[in-house]
PDB file of N, CA and C in Angstrom:
ATOM      1  N   MET A   1      -2.072   5.750  -7.180  1.00  0.00           N
ATOM      2  CA  MET A   1      -3.347   5.889  -6.091  1.00  0.00           C
ATOM      3  C   MET A   1      -3.370   4.145  -6.464  1.00  0.00           C
ATOM      4  N   ILE A   2      -3.904   3.282  -5.536  1.00  0.00           N
ATOM      5  CA  ILE A   2      -4.032   1.477  -5.174  1.00  0.00           C
ATOM      6  C   ILE A   2      -5.717   1.538  -5.203  1.00  0.00           C
ATOM      7  N   ASP A   3      -6.183   0.798  -6.422  1.00  0.00           N
ATOM      8  CA  ASP A   3      -7.319   0.754  -6.427  1.00  0.00           C
ATOM      9  C   ASP A   3      -8.004  -0.008  -5.145  1.00  0.00           C
ATOM     10  N   VAL A   4      -8.918   0.838  -4.547  1.00  0.00           N
ATOM     11  CA  VAL A   4      -9.512   0.783  -2.984  1.00  0.00           C
ATOM     12  C   VAL A   4     -10.642  -0.496  -3.638  1.00  0.00           C
ATOM     13  N   LYS A   5     -11.149  -0.814  -4.863  1.00  0.00           N
ATOM     14  CA  LYS A   5     -11.604  -1.927  -4.740  1.00  0.00           C
ATOM     15  C   LYS A   5     -11.244  -3.226  -4.491  1.00  0.00           C
ATOM     16  N   ILE A   6     -10.184  -2.909  -4.673  1.00  0.00           N
ATOM     17  CA  ILE A   6      -8.854  -4.659  -4.078  1.00  0.00           C
ATOM     18  C   ILE A   6      -9.584  -5.607  -3.484  1.00  0.00           C
ATOM     19  N   LEU A   7     -10.118  -5.036  -2.273  1.00  0.00           N
ATOM     20  CA  LEU A   7     -11.044  -5.049  -0.814  1.00  0.00           C
ATOM     21  C   LEU A   7     -12.089  -6.752  -1.808  1.00  0.00           C
ATOM     22  N   GLU A   8     -12.863  -5.639  -2.530  1.00  0.00           N
ATOM     23  CA  GLU A   8     -14.172  -6.745  -3.008  1.00  0.00           C
ATOM     24  C   GLU A   8     -13.769  -7.725  -3.421  1.00  0.00           C
ATOM     25  N   ARG A   9     -12.448  -7.300  -4.504  1.00  0.00           N
ATOM     26  CA  ARG A   9     -12.671  -8.477  -5.479  1.00  0.00           C
ATOM     27  C   ARG A   9     -12.222  -9.633  -4.575  1.00  0.00           C
ATOM     28  N   ILE A  10     -11.071  -9.468  -4.060  1.00  0.00           N
ATOM     29  CA  ILE A  10     -10.176 -10.569  -2.963  1.00  0.00           C
ATOM     30  C   ILE A  10     -11.808 -11.088  -2.376  1.00  0.00           C
ATOM     31  N   ALA A  11     -12.652 -10.151  -1.823  1.00  0.00           N
ATOM     32  CA  ALA A  11     -14.002 -11.096  -0.796  1.00  0.00           C
ATOM     33  C   ALA A  11     -14.319 -11.643  -1.869  1.00  0.00           C
ATOM     34  N   ASN A  12     -14.796 -11.139  -2.892  1.00  0.00           N
ATOM     35  CA  ASN A  12     -15.670 -12.235  -4.332  1.00  0.00           C
ATOM     36  C   ASN A  12     -14.665 -13.469  -4.670  1.00  0.00           C
ATOM     37  N   THR A  13     -13.511 -13.626  -4.699  1.00  0.00           N
ATOM     38  CA  THR A  13     -12.928 -14.814  -4.766  1.00  0.00           C
ATOM     39  C   THR A  13     -12.762 -15.609  -3.877  1.00  0.00           C
ATOM     40  N   LEU A  14     -12.925 -15.137  -2.611  1.00  0.00           N
ATOM     41  CA  LEU A  14     -12.907 -15.595  -1.258  1.00  0.00           C
ATOM     42  C   LEU A  14     -14.357 -16.156  -1.275  1.00  0.00           C
ATOM     43  N   GLU A  15     -15.344 -15.781  -1.500  1.00  0.00           N
ATOM     44  CA  GLU A  15     -16.634 -15.972  -1.733  1.00  0.00           C
ATOM     45  C   GLU A  15     -16.908 -17.940  -2.975  1.00  0.00           C
ATOM     46  N   SER A  16     -15.923 -17.280  -4.222  1.00  0.00           N
ATOM     47  CA  SER A  16     -15.758 -18.584  -4.880  1.00  0.00           C
ATOM     48  C   SER A  16     -15.197 -19.653  -4.700  1.00  0.00           C
ATOM     49  N   ARG A  17     -14.705 -19.625  -3.508  1.00  0.00           N
ATOM     50  CA  ARG A  17     -13.939 -20.388  -3.125  1.00  0.00           C
ATOM     51  C   ARG A  17     -14.303 -21.633  -2.048  1.00  0.00           C
ATOM     52  N   LYS A  18     -15.124 -20.663  -1.926  1.00  0.00           N
ATOM     53  CA  LYS A  18     -16.476 -21.819  -1.026  1.00  0.00           C
ATOM     54  C   LYS A  18     -16.893 -23.186  -1.565  1.00  0.00           C
ATOM     55  N   ALA A  19     -16.689 -22.908  -2.632  1.00  0.00           N
ATOM     56  CA  ALA A  19     -17.459 -23.957  -3.234  1.00  0.00           C
ATOM     57  C   ALA A  19     -16.143 -24.774  -4.746  1.00  0.00           C
ATOM     58  N   ALA A  20     -15.091 -24.078  -4.711  1.00  0.00           N
ATOM     59  CA  ALA A  20     -13.990 -25.063  -4.836  1.00  0.00           C
ATOM     60  C   ALA A  20     -13.608 -26.499  -4.291  1.00  0.00           C
ATOM     61  N   ASP A  21     -12.500 -26.978  -4.645  1.00  0.00           N
ATOM     62  CA  ASP A  21     -11.888 -28.410  -4.927  1.00  0.00           C
ATOM     63  C   ASP A  21     -10.729 -27.771  -3.718  1.00  0.00           C
ATOM     64  N   PRO A  22     -11.578 -28.339  -2.307  1.00  0.00           N
ATOM     65  CA  PRO A  22      -9.951 -28.383  -1.202  1.00  0.00           C
ATOM     66  C   PRO A  22      -8.957 -28.556  -1.690  1.00  0.00           C
ATOM     67  N   THR A  23      -8.559 -29.727  -2.561  1.00  0.00           N
ATOM     68  CA  THR A  23      -7.067 -30.014  -2.779  1.00  0.00           C
ATOM     69  C   THR A  23      -6.434 -28.938  -3.990  1.00  0.00           C
ATOM     70  N   ALA A  24      -7.794 -28.416  -4.631  1.00  0.00           N
ATOM     71  CA  ALA A  24      -7.106 -27.748  -5.722  1.00  0.00           C
ATOM     72  C   ALA A  24      -7.191 -25.968  -5.580  1.00  0.00           C
ATOM     73  N   SER A  25      -7.401 -25.362  -4.101  1.00  0.00           N
ATOM     74  CA  SER A  25      -7.302 -24.322  -3.688  1.00  0.00           C
ATOM     75  C   SER A  25      -7.068 -24.258  -2.129  1.00  0.00           C
ATOM     76  N   TYR A  26      -6.145 -23.872  -1.955  1.00  0.00           N
ATOM     77  CA  TYR A  26      -5.458 -22.973  -0.207  1.00  0.00           C
ATOM     78  C   TYR A  26      -7.081 -22.583   0.484  1.00  0.00           C
ATOM     79  N   VAL A  27      -7.306 -21.609  -0.133  1.00  0.00           N
ATOM     80  CA  VAL A  27      -8.668 -20.813  -0.086  1.00  0.00           C
ATOM     81  C   VAL A  27      -9.546 -22.112   0.723  1.00  0.00           C
ATOM     82  N   SER A  28      -9.973 -22.645  -0.165  1.00  0.00           N
ATOM     83  CA  SER A  28     -10.782 -23.947  -0.234  1.00  0.00           C
ATOM     84  C   SER A  28     -10.548 -24.988   1.129  1.00  0.00           C
ATOM     85  N   SER A  29      -9.188 -25.388   0.962  1.00  0.00           N
ATOM     86  CA  SER A  29      -9.248 -26.447   2.118  1.00  0.00           C
ATOM     87  C   SER A  29      -9.257 -25.764   3.319  1.00  0.00           C
ATOM     88  N   LEU A  30      -8.790 -24.220   3.592  1.00  0.00           N
ATOM     89  CA  LEU A  30      -8.713 -23.798   4.885  1.00  0.00           C
ATOM     90  C   LEU A  30     -10.713 -23.528   4.758  1.00  0.00           C
ATOM     91  N   PHE A  31     -11.688 -23.100   4.441  1.00  0.00           N
ATOM     92  CA  PHE A  31     -12.990 -23.474   4.563  1.00  0.00           C
ATOM     93  C   PHE A  31     -13.395 -24.788   5.029  1.00  0.00           C
ATOM     94  N   SER A  32     -12.815 -25.630   4.218  1.00  0.00           N
ATOM     95  CA  SER A  32     -13.217 -27.281   4.198  1.00  0.00           C
ATOM     96  C   SER A  32     -12.966 -27.661   5.823  1.00  0.00           C
ATOM     97  N   LYS A  33     -11.497 -26.899   6.460  1.00  0.00           N
ATOM     98  CA  LYS A  33     -11.304 -27.624   7.617  1.00  0.00           C
ATOM     99  C   LYS A  33     -11.823 -27.044   8.597  1.00  0.00           C
ATOM    100  N   GLY A  34     -12.382 -25.978   8.162  1.00  0.00           N
ATOM    101  CA  GLY A  34     -13.293 -25.343   9.631  1.00  0.00           C
ATOM    102  C   GLY A  34     -12.877 -23.766  10.584  1.00  0.00           C
ATOM    103  N   GLN A  35     -13.324 -23.411  11.133  1.00  0.00           N
ATOM    104  CA  GLN A  35     -13.219 -22.046  11.718  1.00  0.00           C
ATOM    105  C   GLN A  35     -11.860 -22.672  12.704  1.00  0.00           C
ATOM    106  N   ASP A  36     -11.964 -23.068  13.318  1.00  0.00           N
ATOM    107  CA  ASP A  36     -10.469 -23.673  14.273  1.00  0.00           C
ATOM    108  C   ASP A  36      -9.080 -23.243  13.280  1.00  0.00           C
ATOM    109  N   ALA A  37      -9.029 -24.002  12.130  1.00  0.00           N
ATOM    110  CA  ALA A  37      -8.110 -23.939  11.009  1.00  0.00           C
ATOM    111  C   ALA A  37      -7.935 -22.431  11.057  1.00  0.00           C
ATOM    112  N   ILE A  38      -8.984 -22.008  10.374  1.00  0.00           N
ATOM    113  CA  ILE A  38      -9.394 -20.425   9.769  1.00  0.00           C
ATOM    114  C   ILE A  38      -8.224 -19.339  11.062  1.00  0.00           C
ATOM    115  N   LEU A  39      -8.608 -19.987  12.636  1.00  0.00           N
ATOM    116  CA  LEU A  39      -8.515 -19.232  13.656  1.00  0.00           C
ATOM    117  C   LEU A  39      -7.192 -19.246  13.717  1.00  0.00           C
ATOM    118  N   LYS A  40      -6.903 -20.532  13.562  1.00  0.00           N
ATOM    119  CA  LYS A  40      -4.906 -20.830  13.814  1.00  0.00           C
ATOM    120  C   LYS A  40      -4.608 -19.793  12.977  1.00  0.00           C
ATOM    121  N   LYS A  41      -4.823 -20.115  11.484  1.00  0.00           N
ATOM    122  CA  LYS A  41      -4.103 -19.375  10.367  1.00  0.00           C
ATOM    123  C   LYS A  41      -3.943 -17.859  11.041  1.00  0.00           C
ATOM    124  N   VAL A  42      -4.982 -16.882  11.469  1.00  0.00           N
ATOM    125  CA  VAL A  42      -4.992 -15.718  11.574  1.00  0.00           C
ATOM    126  C   VAL A  42      -4.362 -15.778  12.624  1.00  0.00           C
ATOM    127  N   GLY A  43      -4.373 -16.418  13.840  1.00  0.00           N
ATOM    128  CA  GLY A  43      -3.143 -16.580  15.107  1.00  0.00           C
ATOM    129  C   GLY A  43      -1.332 -16.273  14.665  1.00  0.00           C
ATOM    130  N   GLU A  44      -1.559 -17.039  13.833  1.00  0.00           N
ATOM    131  CA  GLU A  44       0.532 -17.336  13.250  1.00  0.00           C
ATOM    132  C   GLU A  44       0.518 -15.922  12.562  1.00  0.00           C
ATOM    133  N   GLU A  45      -0.585 -15.605  11.494  1.00  0.00           N
ATOM    134  CA  GLU A  45       0.001 -14.314  10.485  1.00  0.00           C
ATOM    135  C   GLU A  45       0.087 -13.599  11.790  1.00  0.00           C
ATOM    136  N   ALA A  46      -0.867 -12.940  12.955  1.00  0.00           N
ATOM    137  CA  ALA A  46      -0.445 -12.150  13.638  1.00  0.00           C
ATOM    138  C   ALA A  46       0.664 -12.224  15.015  1.00  0.00           C
ATOM    139  N   VAL A  47       1.078 -13.350  14.947  1.00  0.00           N
ATOM    140  CA  VAL A  47       2.871 -13.363  15.570  1.00  0.00           C
ATOM    141  C   VAL A  47       3.356 -12.900  14.657  1.00  0.00           C
ATOM    142  N   GLU A  48       3.634 -13.761  13.212  1.00  0.00           N
ATOM    143  CA  GLU A  48       4.286 -12.920  12.220  1.00  0.00           C
ATOM    144  C   GLU A  48       4.131 -11.344  11.921  1.00  0.00           C
ATOM    145  N   THR A  49       2.986 -11.183  12.353  1.00  0.00           N
ATOM    146  CA  THR A  49       3.255  -9.214  11.830  1.00  0.00           C
ATOM    147  C   THR A  49       4.390  -8.850  13.130  1.00  0.00           C
ATOM    148  N   ILE A  50       4.089  -8.932  14.317  1.00  0.00           N
ATOM    149  CA  ILE A  50       4.541  -8.791  15.429  1.00  0.00           C
ATOM    150  C   ILE A  50       6.437  -8.966  15.596  1.00  0.00           C
ATOM    151  N   MET A  51       6.402 -10.586  15.101  1.00  0.00           N
ATOM    152  CA  MET A  51       8.047 -10.309  14.609  1.00  0.00           C
ATOM    153  C   MET A  51       8.274  -9.563  13.826  1.00  0.00           C
ATOM    154  N   ALA A  52       7.640  -9.241  12.215  1.00  0.00           N
ATOM    155  CA  ALA A  52       8.214  -8.671  11.234  1.00  0.00           C
ATOM    156  C   ALA A  52       8.775  -7.138  11.931  1.00  0.00           C
ATOM    157  N   ALA A  53       7.600  -6.575  12.563  1.00  0.00           N
ATOM    158  CA  ALA A  53       7.639  -5.075  13.166  1.00  0.00           C
ATOM    159  C   ALA A  53       8.918  -4.628  14.260  1.00  0.00           C
ATOM    160  N   LYS A  54       8.926  -6.072  15.055  1.00  0.00           N
ATOM    161  CA  LYS A  54      10.087  -5.757  15.498  1.00  0.00           C
ATOM    162  C   LYS A  54      11.753  -6.199  14.783  1.00  0.00           C
ATOM    163  N   ASP A  55      11.407  -6.604  14.126  1.00  0.00           N
ATOM    164  CA  ASP A  55      13.084  -6.481  13.035  1.00  0.00           C
ATOM    165  C   ASP A  55      13.487  -5.334  12.015  1.00  0.00           C
ATOM    166  N   GLU A  56      12.342  -4.343  12.248  1.00  0.00           N
ATOM    167  CA  GLU A  56      12.836  -3.034  11.116  1.00  0.00           C
ATOM    168  C   GLU A  56      12.538  -3.372  10.338  1.00  0.00           C
ATOM    169  N   ASP A  57      12.473  -3.822   9.264  1.00  0.00           N
ATOM    170  CA  ASP A  57      12.185  -4.145   7.705  1.00  0.00           C
ATOM    171  C   ASP A  57      10.615  -4.174   7.421  1.00  0.00           C
ATOM    172  N   ALA A  58      10.413  -2.769   6.836  1.00  0.00           N
ATOM    173  CA  ALA A  58       9.585  -1.993   6.505  1.00  0.00           C
ATOM    174  C   ALA A  58       8.770  -3.248   5.646  1.00  0.00           C
ATOM    175  N   LEU A  59       9.375  -3.616   4.617  1.00  0.00           N
ATOM    176  CA  LEU A  59       8.955  -4.490   3.511  1.00  0.00           C
ATOM    177  C   LEU A  59       8.352  -5.863   4.323  1.00  0.00           C
ATOM    178  N   HIS A  60       9.089  -6.442   4.959  1.00  0.00           N
ATOM    179  CA  HIS A  60       8.677  -8.011   5.706  1.00  0.00           C
ATOM    180  C   HIS A  60       7.574  -7.118   6.377  1.00  0.00           C
ATOM    181  N   LEU A  61       7.354  -6.213   7.188  1.00  0.00           N
ATOM    182  CA  LEU A  61       6.351  -5.972   7.920  1.00  0.00           C
ATOM    183  C   LEU A  61       4.595  -5.273   6.922  1.00  0.00           C
ATOM    184  N   VAL A  62       4.910  -4.897   6.096  1.00  0.00           N
ATOM    185  CA  VAL A  62       3.956  -5.210   4.875  1.00  0.00           C
ATOM    186  C   VAL A  62       3.511  -6.283   4.485  1.00  0.00           C
ATOM    187  N   ARG A  63       4.273  -7.384   4.039  1.00  0.00           N
ATOM    188  CA  ARG A  63       4.027  -8.306   3.795  1.00  0.00           C
ATOM    189  C   ARG A  63       3.221  -9.560   4.509  1.00  0.00           C
ATOM    190  N   GLU A  64       4.001  -9.226   5.788  1.00  0.00           N
ATOM    191  CA  GLU A  64       3.404 -10.260   6.658  1.00  0.00           C
ATOM    192  C   GLU A  64       1.909  -9.484   7.337  1.00  0.00           C
ATOM    193  N   ILE A  65       1.456  -7.808   7.251  1.00  0.00           N
ATOM    194  CA  ILE A  65       0.772  -7.426   7.086  1.00  0.00           C
ATOM    195  C   ILE A  65      -0.823  -7.904   6.263  1.00  0.00           C
ATOM    196  N   ALA A  66      -0.303  -7.804   5.031  1.00  0.00           N
ATOM    197  CA  ALA A  66      -1.190  -8.597   4.047  1.00  0.00           C
ATOM    198  C   ALA A  66      -1.555 -10.136   4.250  1.00  0.00           C
ATOM    199  N   ASP A  67      -0.977 -10.332   4.616  1.00  0.00           N
ATOM    200  CA  ASP A  67      -1.047 -11.967   5.247  1.00  0.00           C
ATOM    201  C   ASP A  67      -2.109 -11.864   6.263  1.00  0.00           C
ATOM    202  N   LEU A  68      -1.989 -10.754   7.352  1.00  0.00           N
ATOM    203  CA  LEU A  68      -3.019 -11.107   8.314  1.00  0.00           C
ATOM    204  C   LEU A  68      -4.317 -10.629   7.438  1.00  0.00           C
ATOM    205  N   TRP A  69      -4.265  -9.476   6.754  1.00  0.00           N
ATOM    206  CA  TRP A  69      -5.326  -8.944   6.347  1.00  0.00           C
ATOM    207  C   TRP A  69      -6.018  -9.802   5.713  1.00  0.00           C
ATOM    208  N   PHE A  70      -5.464 -10.816   4.397  1.00  0.00           N
ATOM    209  CA  PHE A  70      -5.727 -11.919   4.011  1.00  0.00           C
ATOM    210  C   PHE A  70      -6.457 -13.048   4.670  1.00  0.00           C
ATOM    211  N   HIS A  71      -5.916 -13.205   5.550  1.00  0.00           N
ATOM    212  CA  HIS A  71      -6.605 -14.697   6.631  1.00  0.00           C
ATOM    213  C   HIS A  71      -7.599 -14.320   7.108  1.00  0.00           C
ATOM    214  N   SER A  72      -7.576 -12.930   7.237  1.00  0.00           N
ATOM    215  CA  SER A  72      -8.951 -11.973   8.016  1.00  0.00           C
ATOM    216  C   SER A  72      -9.825 -11.939   7.378  1.00  0.00           C
ATOM    217  N   MET A  73     -10.079 -11.548   6.023  1.00  0.00           N
ATOM    218  CA  MET A  73     -10.786 -12.102   5.393  1.00  0.00           C
ATOM    219  C   MET A  73     -11.380 -12.903   4.778  1.00  0.00           C
ATOM    220  N   ILE A  74     -10.264 -14.170   4.860  1.00  0.00           N
ATOM    221  CA  ILE A  74     -10.872 -15.671   5.057  1.00  0.00           C
ATOM    222  C   ILE A  74     -11.668 -16.044   5.912  1.00  0.00           C
ATOM    223  N   LEU A  75     -11.314 -15.209   7.328  1.00  0.00           N
ATOM    224  CA  LEU A  75     -12.301 -15.680   8.575  1.00  0.00           C
ATOM    225  C   LEU A  75     -13.971 -14.681   8.475  1.00  0.00           C
ATOM    226  N   LEU A  76     -13.737 -13.792   7.593  1.00  0.00           N
ATOM    227  CA  LEU A  76     -14.853 -12.553   7.391  1.00  0.00           C
ATOM    228  C   LEU A  76     -16.008 -13.434   6.982  1.00  0.00           C
ATOM    229  N   SER A  77     -15.196 -14.087   5.358  1.00  0.00           N
ATOM    230  CA  SER A  77     -16.037 -14.340   4.397  1.00  0.00           C
ATOM    231  C   SER A  77     -16.574 -15.884   5.416  1.00  0.00           C
ATOM    232  N   PHE A  78     -15.792 -16.365   6.199  1.00  0.00           N
ATOM    233  CA  PHE A  78     -16.069 -17.672   6.439  1.00  0.00           C
ATOM    234  C   PHE A  78     -17.243 -17.368   7.722  1.00  0.00           C
ATOM    235  N   LYS A  79     -17.618 -16.469   8.114  1.00  0.00           N
ATOM    236  CA  LYS A  79     -18.696 -15.624   9.103  1.00  0.00           C
ATOM    237  C   LYS A  79     -19.825 -15.406   8.215  1.00  0.00           C
ATOM    238  N   GLY A  80     -19.666 -14.861   7.227  1.00  0.00           N
ATOM    239  CA  GLY A  80     -21.008 -14.679   6.339  1.00  0.00           C
ATOM    240  C   GLY A  80     -20.676 -12.527   5.850  1.00  0.00           C
ATOM    241  N   LEU A  81     -19.122 -12.877   6.415  1.00  0.00           N
ATOM    242  CA  LEU A  81     -18.981 -11.071   6.533  1.00  0.00           C
ATOM    243  C   LEU A  81     -18.287 -10.707   5.473  1.00  0.00           C
ATOM    244  N   GLY A  82     -17.903  -9.695   5.568  1.00  0.00           N
ATOM    245  CA  GLY A  82     -16.694  -8.850   4.696  1.00  0.00           C
ATOM    246  C   GLY A  82     -16.415  -7.630   4.728  1.00  0.00           C
ATOM    247  N   PRO A  83     -15.003  -7.199   3.549  1.00  0.00           N
ATOM    248  CA  PRO A  83     -14.416  -5.698   4.103  1.00  0.00           C
ATOM    249  C   PRO A  83     -15.217  -5.027   4.120  1.00  0.00           C
ATOM    250  N   SER A  84     -16.463  -4.821   3.567  1.00  0.00           N
ATOM    251  CA  SER A  84     -17.678  -3.891   3.783  1.00  0.00           C
ATOM    252  C   SER A  84     -18.305  -3.525   5.213  1.00  0.00           C
ATOM    253  N   ASP A  85     -18.116  -5.008   5.877  1.00  0.00           N
ATOM    254  CA  ASP A  85     -18.748  -4.467   7.268  1.00  0.00           C
ATOM    255  C   ASP A  85     -17.442  -3.991   8.128  1.00  0.00           C
ATOM    256  N   VAL A  86     -16.371  -4.350   7.831  1.00  0.00           N
ATOM    257  CA  VAL A  86     -15.446  -3.522   8.860  1.00  0.00           C
ATOM    258  C   VAL A  86     -15.265  -2.214   8.152  1.00  0.00           C
ATOM    259  N   LEU A  87     -14.853  -1.790   7.085  1.00  0.00           N
ATOM    260  CA  LEU A  87     -15.217  -0.438   6.729  1.00  0.00           C
ATOM    261  C   LEU A  87     -16.156   0.204   7.259  1.00  0.00           C
ATOM    262  N   ALA A  88     -17.668  -0.124   7.317  1.00  0.00           N
ATOM    263  CA  ALA A  88     -18.432   0.302   8.102  1.00  0.00           C
ATOM    264  C   ALA A  88     -18.320   0.966   9.307  1.00  0.00           C
ATOM    265  N   GLU A  89     -17.983  -0.194  10.042  1.00  0.00           N
ATOM    266  CA  GLU A  89     -17.084  -0.593  11.667  1.00  0.00           C
ATOM    267  C   GLU A  89     -16.534   1.332  11.908  1.00  0.00           C
ATOM    268  N   LEU A  90     -15.349   1.107  10.491  1.00  0.00           N
ATOM    269  CA  LEU A  90     -14.365   1.740  11.118  1.00  0.00           C
ATOM    270  C   LEU A  90     -15.033   3.198  10.519  1.00  0.00           C
ATOM    271  N   ALA A  91     -16.052   3.237   9.778  1.00  0.00           N
ATOM    272  CA  ALA A  91     -16.665   4.720   9.393  1.00  0.00           C
ATOM    273  C   ALA A  91     -17.211   5.367  10.897  1.00  0.00           C
ATOM    274  N   ARG A  92     -17.677   4.315  11.330  1.00  0.00           N
ATOM    275  CA  ARG A  92     -18.191   4.821  12.115  1.00  0.00           C
ATOM    276  C   ARG A  92     -17.627   5.093  13.791  1.00  0.00           C
ATOM    277  N   ARG A  93     -16.542   4.456  13.988  1.00  0.00           N
ATOM    278  CA  ARG A  93     -15.647   5.111  14.827  1.00  0.00           C
ATOM    279  C   ARG A  93     -15.207   6.566  14.547  1.00  0.00           C
ATOM    280  N   GLU A  94     -14.804   6.923  13.314  1.00  0.00           N
ATOM    281  CA  GLU A  94     -13.915   7.955  12.756  1.00  0.00           C
ATOM    282  C   GLU A  94     -14.485   9.059  13.137  1.00  0.00           C
ATOM    283  N   GLY A  95     -14.090   9.755  14.274  1.00  0.00           N
ATOM    284  CA  GLY A  95     -14.072  11.179  14.486  1.00  0.00           C
ATOM    285  C   GLY A  95     -14.248  10.280  16.097  1.00  0.00           C
ATOM    286  N   ILE A  96     -14.508   9.612  16.877  1.00  0.00           N
ATOM    287  CA  ILE A  96     -14.431   9.264  18.208  1.00  0.00           C
ATOM    288  C   ILE A  96     -13.872   8.929  18.631  1.00  0.00           C
ATOM    289  N   SER A  97     -12.748   9.308  19.654  1.00  0.00           N
ATOM    290  CA  SER A  97     -11.697   8.757  20.451  1.00  0.00           C
ATOM    291  C   SER A  97     -12.346   7.330  20.790  1.00  0.00           C
ATOM    292  N   GLY A  98     -10.707   7.078  20.728  1.00  0.00           N
ATOM    293  CA  GLY A  98     -10.429   5.390  21.219  1.00  0.00           C
ATOM    294  C   GLY A  98     -10.794   5.472  22.926  1.00  0.00           C
ATOM    295  N   ILE A  99     -10.705   6.507  23.549  1.00  0.00           N
ATOM    296  CA  ILE A  99     -10.868   5.983  24.740  1.00  0.00           C
ATOM    297  C   ILE A  99     -12.870   5.902  24.608  1.00  0.00           C
ATOM    298  N   GLU A 100     -13.289   6.757  24.286  1.00  0.00           N
ATOM    299  CA  GLU A 100     -14.791   6.720  24.219  1.00  0.00           C
ATOM    300  C   GLU A 100     -15.174   5.542  23.454  1.00  0.00           C
ATOM    301  N   GLU A 101     -15.102   5.591  22.710  1.00  0.00           N
ATOM    302  CA  GLU A 101     -15.315   3.860  21.707  1.00  0.00           C
ATOM    303  C   GLU A 101     -15.452   3.058  22.823  1.00  0.00           C
ATOM    304  N   LYS A 102     -14.174   3.166  23.028  1.00  0.00           N
ATOM    305  CA  LYS A 102     -13.879   1.254  23.534  1.00  0.00           C
ATOM    306  C   LYS A 102     -15.062   1.458  24.852  1.00  0.00           C
ATOM    307  N   LEU A 103     -15.175   2.307  25.744  1.00  0.00           N
ATOM    308  CA  LEU A 103     -15.739   2.711  26.862  1.00  0.00           C
ATOM    309  C   LEU A 103     -17.325   2.376  26.036  1.00  0.00           C
ATOM    310  N   GLY A 104     -18.172   2.981  25.250  1.00  0.00           N
ATOM    311  CA  GLY A 104     -19.389   2.577  24.089  1.00  0.00           C
ATOM    312  C   GLY A 104     -19.464   1.296  24.408  1.00  0.00           C
ATOM    313  N   ARG A 105     -18.563   0.154  23.988  1.00  0.00           N
ATOM    314  CA  ARG A 105     -18.295  -1.202  24.026  1.00  0.00           C
ATOM    315  C   ARG A 105     -18.463  -1.353  24.927  1.00  0.00           C
ATOM    316  N   MET A 106     -17.517  -1.457  25.888  1.00  0.00           N
ATOM    317  CA  MET A 106     -18.176  -2.176  27.433  1.00  0.00           C
ATOM    318  C   MET A 106     -19.574  -1.534  27.456  1.00  0.00           C
ATOM    319  N   GLU A 107     -20.082  -0.412  27.445  1.00  0.00           N
ATOM    320  CA  GLU A 107     -21.263  -0.351  28.090  1.00  0.00           C
ATOM    321  C   GLU A 107     -22.038  -0.984  27.567  1.00  0.00           C
ATOM    322  N   ILE A 108     -22.025  -1.923  26.276  1.00  0.00           N
ATOM    323  CA  ILE A 108     -22.990  -2.201  25.447  1.00  0.00           C
ATOM    324  C   ILE A 108     -22.863  -4.038  25.775  1.00  0.00           C
ATOM    325  N   LYS A 109     -21.899  -4.001  26.359  1.00  0.00           N
ATOM    326  CA  LYS A 109     -21.699  -5.480  26.622  1.00  0.00           C
ATOM    327  C   LYS A 109     -22.561  -6.105  28.152  1.00  0.00           C
ATOM    328  N   GLU A 110     -22.500  -4.735  29.118  1.00  0.00           N
ATOM    329  CA  GLU A 110     -23.689  -5.053  30.168  1.00  0.00           C
ATOM    330  C   GLU A 110     -24.673  -5.082  30.303  1.00  0.00           C
TER     331      GLU A 110
END
C-alpha cells in the first residue's frame, strides 16, 4: 500500500522551496518566475500526458501523470492552496453524478 501522506510531504516541501534560492531549486525557480511560468509548465505536462496515453505505454503514462500532478501541486502552492483542498472537493463530489455536479457548478456561475 502506498503512503497517502506523500501528498502532504510533497506539499510541505513545495512550501519550503518558496524561500529557497532559485538557482539551487527547480521549484523555487518556478516560483520566482511567477504564475505564467508555472501555468506553462502545467500545460506542457498536460500535453505530454495526452501523448503518453496515446502511445499505449502504461509506465510512460504513469510517469507523465506524476509530472502533471507535481506541477499542479506547484500551482496550488503558488495560489496558497494544497492537496487537502483538492481532496475536500473530490470528497464533496463523491456520490454525485458528473452531470449533476457540472450543472451545479454552472448554476453557481450564473
